[in-house]
Amino acid sequence: MARAPYNVLVLPYKIEKSNVQFCIFKREDMNVWQFIAGGGEDDERPLDAAKRETFEEAGITLTQFISLTSMCHVAANQFSEKAQKNWGDKIIVIPVYSFAVLCDSDTQILISDEHFEYKWCVYDEAAKLLHFDLDRIALYELNERINRNDYGRNQN
């Protein structure tokens, strides 16, 4: 499998009695909090990569993903030499596509060996703990959309 020249970011969240919580993960290799993140493979579409990464990193099998507007780019040199060689010299930055997935209150999180801890937390706590700006910006967008009820349902 070849690494596709893009990344995905996935924000699991749940709403219980109007209380919104977001699931963040502590990376094993960097010891930082982040959302689910990973790259596409071969000709995989970003949404399919998001679903696969969500299953691989958290054991979540839900299929109702929401595409967020939040997007950023990451320098290609932040990825493995193998990926960079596969992409060629023309790829300087790669896009990161953001998605959210609404979990049920009984959704079980089964973390992969990429992480050693996960935590459900409210917006303010997640915003303080998240290491990367792109995670905080996607969190802000999702939280605002939930507060504005942009998804067309009263989530109580």
C-alpha atoms as a PDB file:
ATOM      1  CA  MET A   1       0.000   0.000   0.000  1.00  0.00           C
ATOM      2  CA  ALA A   2       1.168   3.483  -0.838  1.00  0.00           C
ATOM      3  CA  ARG A   3       0.615   6.428   1.466  1.00  0.00           C
ATOM      4  CA  ALA A   4      -1.730   8.955  -0.178  1.00  0.00           C
ATOM      5  CA  PRO A   5      -0.682  12.647  -0.045  1.00  0.00           C
ATOM      6  CA  TYR A   6      -3.293  13.762   2.518  1.00  0.00           C
ATOM      7  CA  ASN A   7      -4.218  13.250   6.157  1.00  0.00           C
ATOM      8  CA  VAL A   8      -7.518  13.015   7.996  1.00  0.00           C
ATOM      9  CA  LEU A   9      -8.528  14.225  11.435  1.00  0.00           C
ATOM     10  CA  VAL A  10     -11.536  12.661  13.190  1.00  0.00           C
ATOM     11  CA  LEU A  11     -13.337  14.092  16.221  1.00  0.00           C
ATOM     12  CA  PRO A  12     -15.485  11.569  18.087  1.00  0.00           C
ATOM     13  CA  TYR A  13     -18.120  13.253  20.251  1.00  0.00           C
ATOM     14  CA  LYS A  14     -21.233  12.380  22.213  1.00  0.00           C
ATOM     15  CA  ILE A  15     -24.164  14.279  23.648  1.00  0.00           C
ATOM     16  CA  GLU A  16     -25.832  13.126  26.842  1.00  0.00           C
ATOM     17  CA  LYS A  17     -28.570  15.285  28.388  1.00  0.00           C
ATOM     18  CA  SER A  18     -27.306  18.347  26.460  1.00  0.00           C
ATOM     19  CA  ASN A  19     -23.771  17.718  27.770  1.00  0.00           C
ATOM     20  CA  VAL A  20     -21.319  17.524  24.850  1.00  0.00           C
ATOM     21  CA  GLN A  21     -18.100  15.576  25.300  1.00  0.00           C
ATOM     22  CA  PHE A  22     -15.225  15.027  22.889  1.00  0.00           C
ATOM     23  CA  CYS A  23     -12.883  12.042  22.888  1.00  0.00           C
ATOM     24  CA  ILE A  24      -9.187  12.881  22.728  1.00  0.00           C
ATOM     25  CA  PHE A  25      -6.247  10.498  22.571  1.00  0.00           C
ATOM     26  CA  LYS A  26      -2.724  10.638  24.011  1.00  0.00           C
ATOM     27  CA  ARG A  27      -0.121   9.623  21.421  1.00  0.00           C
ATOM     28  CA  GLU A  28       2.356   6.969  22.438  1.00  0.00           C
ATOM     29  CA  ASP A  29       5.264   8.338  20.372  1.00  0.00           C
ATOM     30  CA  MET A  30       4.881  12.056  21.140  1.00  0.00           C
ATOM     31  CA  ASN A  31       3.088  12.052  24.509  1.00  0.00           C
ATOM     32  CA  VAL A  32       0.592  14.699  23.331  1.00  0.00           C
ATOM     33  CA  TRP A  33      -3.200  14.857  23.209  1.00  0.00           C
ATOM     34  CA  GLN A  34      -4.869  14.878  19.806  1.00  0.00           C
ATOM     35  CA  PHE A  35      -7.882  13.555  17.935  1.00  0.00           C
ATOM     36  CA  ILE A  36      -7.730  10.519  15.656  1.00  0.00           C
ATOM     37  CA  ALA A  37      -5.360  11.252  12.777  1.00  0.00           C
ATOM     38  CA  GLY A  38      -3.869   9.353   9.892  1.00  0.00           C
ATOM     39  CA  GLY A  39      -3.214   9.190   6.203  1.00  0.00           C
ATOM     40  CA  GLY A  40      -5.032   7.808   3.229  1.00  0.00           C
ATOM     41  CA  GLU A  41      -3.872   4.699   1.450  1.00  0.00           C
ATOM     42  CA  ASP A  42      -3.586   4.255  -2.323  1.00  0.00           C
ATOM     43  CA  ASP A  43      -6.715   5.667  -4.038  1.00  0.00           C
ATOM     44  CA  GLU A  44      -8.758   5.795  -0.827  1.00  0.00           C
ATOM     45  CA  ARG A  45     -11.092   8.795  -0.510  1.00  0.00           C
ATOM     46  CA  PRO A  46     -10.662  11.001   2.598  1.00  0.00           C
ATOM     47  CA  LEU A  47     -14.002   9.890   4.096  1.00  0.00           C
ATOM     48  CA  ASP A  48     -13.052   6.241   3.700  1.00  0.00           C
ATOM     49  CA  ALA A  49      -9.660   6.939   5.278  1.00  0.00           C
ATOM     50  CA  ALA A  50     -11.415   8.687   8.183  1.00  0.00           C
ATOM     51  CA  LYS A  51     -13.647   5.663   8.772  1.00  0.00           C
ATOM     52  CA  ARG A  52     -10.707   3.254   8.566  1.00  0.00           C
ATOM     53  CA  GLU A  53      -8.492   5.323  10.876  1.00  0.00           C
ATOM     54  CA  THR A  54     -11.349   5.678  13.378  1.00  0.00           C
ATOM     55  CA  PHE A  55     -11.742   1.918  13.491  1.00  0.00           C
ATOM     56  CA  GLU A  56      -7.987   1.246  13.644  1.00  0.00           C
ATOM     57  CA  GLU A  57      -7.229   3.811  16.358  1.00  0.00           C
ATOM     58  CA  ALA A  58     -10.398   3.695  18.478  1.00  0.00           C
ATOM     59  CA  GLY A  59     -12.378   0.601  17.496  1.00  0.00           C
ATOM     60  CA  ILE A  60     -15.321   2.797  16.476  1.00  0.00           C
ATOM     61  CA  THR A  61     -17.413   1.171  13.740  1.00  0.00           C
ATOM     62  CA  LEU A  62     -19.991   3.931  13.246  1.00  0.00           C
ATOM     63  CA  THR A  63     -20.544   5.092   9.693  1.00  0.00           C
ATOM     64  CA  GLN A  64     -22.311   8.462  10.089  1.00  0.00           C
ATOM     65  CA  PHE A  65     -19.437  10.903   9.668  1.00  0.00           C
ATOM     66  CA  ILE A  66     -19.824  14.663   9.300  1.00  0.00           C
ATOM     67  CA  SER A  67     -17.432  16.533   7.042  1.00  0.00           C
ATOM     68  CA  LEU A  68     -16.144  19.681   8.743  1.00  0.00           C
ATOM     69  CA  THR A  69     -15.042  22.833   6.950  1.00  0.00           C
ATOM     70  CA  SER A  70     -11.830  23.000   9.014  1.00  0.00           C
ATOM     71  CA  MET A  71      -8.853  22.145   6.899  1.00  0.00           C
ATOM     72  CA  CYS A  72      -5.171  22.843   7.067  1.00  0.00           C
ATOM     73  CA  HIS A  73      -1.972  21.807   5.362  1.00  0.00           C
ATOM     74  CA  VAL A  74       1.072  20.121   6.848  1.00  0.00           C
ATOM     75  CA  ALA A  75       4.604  20.227   5.467  1.00  0.00           C
ATOM     76  CA  ALA A  76       5.373  17.029   3.571  1.00  0.00           C
ATOM     77  CA  ASN A  77       8.742  16.800   5.319  1.00  0.00           C
ATOM     78  CA  GLN A  78       6.881  15.921   8.540  1.00  0.00           C
ATOM     79  CA  PHE A  79       6.150  12.476   7.110  1.00  0.00           C
ATOM     80  CA  SER A  80       8.305   9.411   6.537  1.00  0.00           C
ATOM     81  CA  GLU A  81      10.970   9.391   3.852  1.00  0.00           C
ATOM     82  CA  LYS A  82       9.134   6.492   2.226  1.00  0.00           C
ATOM     83  CA  ALA A  83       5.928   8.557   1.929  1.00  0.00           C
ATOM     84  CA  GLN A  84       7.822  11.586   0.631  1.00  0.00           C
ATOM     85  CA  LYS A  85       9.630   9.484  -1.975  1.00  0.00           C
ATOM     86  CA  ASN A  86       6.309   7.988  -3.110  1.00  0.00           C
ATOM     87  CA  TRP A  87       4.767  11.472  -3.455  1.00  0.00           C
ATOM     88  CA  GLY A  88       7.685  12.876  -5.434  1.00  0.00           C
ATOM     89  CA  ASP A  89       9.327  16.298  -5.312  1.00  0.00           C
ATOM     90  CA  LYS A  90       6.220  18.225  -6.362  1.00  0.00           C
ATOM     91  CA  ILE A  91       4.380  17.564  -3.082  1.00  0.00           C
ATOM     92  CA  ILE A  92       5.481  20.221  -0.602  1.00  0.00           C
ATOM     93  CA  VAL A  93       2.448  20.320   1.690  1.00  0.00           C
ATOM     94  CA  ILE A  94      -0.424  17.892   2.162  1.00  0.00           C
ATOM     95  CA  PRO A  95      -4.030  18.728   3.078  1.00  0.00           C
ATOM     96  CA  VAL A  96      -5.685  17.550   6.285  1.00  0.00           C
ATOM     97  CA  TYR A  97      -9.436  16.897   5.989  1.00  0.00           C
ATOM     98  CA  SER A  98     -11.509  17.021   9.188  1.00  0.00           C
ATOM     99  CA  PHE A  99     -14.507  14.889  10.127  1.00  0.00           C
ATOM    100  CA  ALA A 100     -16.665  14.353  13.192  1.00  0.00           C
ATOM    101  CA  VAL A 101     -18.468  11.211  14.282  1.00  0.00           C
ATOM    102  CA  LEU A 102     -21.362  11.236  16.747  1.00  0.00           C
ATOM    103  CA  CYS A 103     -21.003   8.355  19.187  1.00  0.00           C
ATOM    104  CA  ASP A 104     -23.703   6.760  21.291  1.00  0.00           C
ATOM    105  CA  SER A 105     -23.410   6.829  25.060  1.00  0.00           C
ATOM    106  CA  ASP A 106     -22.531   3.119  24.949  1.00  0.00           C
ATOM    107  CA  THR A 107     -19.854   3.390  22.221  1.00  0.00           C
ATOM    108  CA  GLN A 108     -16.801   1.463  23.385  1.00  0.00           C
ATOM    109  CA  ILE A 109     -13.370   2.976  22.711  1.00  0.00           C
ATOM    110  CA  LEU A 110     -10.653   0.406  22.005  1.00  0.00           C
ATOM    111  CA  ILE A 111      -7.410   2.305  21.561  1.00  0.00           C
ATOM    112  CA  SER A 112      -4.633   1.054  19.327  1.00  0.00           C
ATOM    113  CA  ASP A 113      -0.970   0.939  20.246  1.00  0.00           C
ATOM    114  CA  GLU A 114      -0.580   4.417  18.690  1.00  0.00           C
ATOM    115  CA  HIS A 115      -2.113   5.790  21.901  1.00  0.00           C
ATOM    116  CA  PHE A 116      -1.833   4.860  25.538  1.00  0.00           C
ATOM    117  CA  GLU A 117      -4.793   6.792  26.912  1.00  0.00           C
ATOM    118  CA  TYR A 118      -8.072   8.356  25.851  1.00  0.00           C
ATOM    119  CA  LYS A 119     -10.358  10.771  27.608  1.00  0.00           C
ATOM    120  CA  TRP A 120     -13.887  12.107  27.143  1.00  0.00           C
ATOM    121  CA  CYS A 121     -13.943  15.770  28.095  1.00  0.00           C
ATOM    122  CA  VAL A 122     -15.937  18.948  27.689  1.00  0.00           C
ATOM    123  CA  TYR A 123     -14.928  21.621  25.202  1.00  0.00           C
ATOM    124  CA  ASP A 124     -12.804  23.804  27.525  1.00  0.00           C
ATOM    125  CA  GLU A 125     -10.783  20.886  28.845  1.00  0.00           C
ATOM    126  CA  ALA A 126     -10.215  19.436  25.369  1.00  0.00           C
ATOM    127  CA  ALA A 127      -9.147  22.842  24.016  1.00  0.00           C
ATOM    128  CA  LYS A 128      -6.563  23.167  26.805  1.00  0.00           C
ATOM    129  CA  LEU A 129      -5.178  19.646  26.416  1.00  0.00           C
ATOM    130  CA  LEU A 130      -4.966  19.386  22.624  1.00  0.00           C
ATOM    131  CA  HIS A 131      -1.423  19.909  21.359  1.00  0.00           C
ATOM    132  CA  PHE A 132      -1.958  20.840  17.720  1.00  0.00           C
ATOM    133  CA  ASP A 133      -3.657  24.004  16.441  1.00  0.00           C
ATOM    134  CA  LEU A 134      -5.455  22.041  13.738  1.00  0.00           C
ATOM    135  CA  ASP A 135      -7.139  19.895  16.412  1.00  0.00           C
ATOM    136  CA  ARG A 136      -8.219  22.966  18.401  1.00  0.00           C
ATOM    137  CA  ILE A 137      -9.615  24.705  15.304  1.00  0.00           C
ATOM    138  CA  ALA A 138     -11.615  21.626  14.254  1.00  0.00           C
ATOM    139  CA  LEU A 139     -12.834  21.292  17.861  1.00  0.00           C
ATOM    140  CA  TYR A 140     -13.966  24.930  17.815  1.00  0.00           C
ATOM    141  CA  GLU A 141     -15.859  24.445  14.561  1.00  0.00           C
ATOM    142  CA  LEU A 142     -17.598  21.283  15.741  1.00  0.00           C
ATOM    143  CA  ASN A 143     -18.525  22.806  19.094  1.00  0.00           C
ATOM    144  CA  GLU A 144     -19.982  25.905  17.404  1.00  0.00           C
ATOM    145  CA  ARG A 145     -21.954  23.795  14.930  1.00  0.00           C
ATOM    146  CA  ILE A 146     -23.378  21.686  17.770  1.00  0.00           C
ATOM    147  CA  ASN A 147     -24.297  24.827  19.745  1.00  0.00           C
ATOM    148  CA  ARG A 148     -26.017  26.311  16.669  1.00  0.00           C
ATOM    149  CA  ASN A 149     -27.746  22.982  15.961  1.00  0.00           C
ATOM    150  CA  ASP A 150     -26.354  23.003  12.406  1.00  0.00           C
ATOM    151  CA  TYR A 151     -27.006  19.306  12.038  1.00  0.00           C
ATOM    152  CA  GLY A 152     -30.773  19.795  12.115  1.00  0.00           C
ATOM    153  CA  ARG A 153     -31.665  17.807  15.173  1.00  0.00           C
ATOM    154  CA  ASN A 154     -32.273  18.650  18.784  1.00  0.00           C
ATOM    155  CA  GLN A 155     -29.595  16.597  20.485  1.00  0.00           C
ATOM    156  CA  ASN A 156     -30.600  16.098  24.124  1.00  0.00           C
END
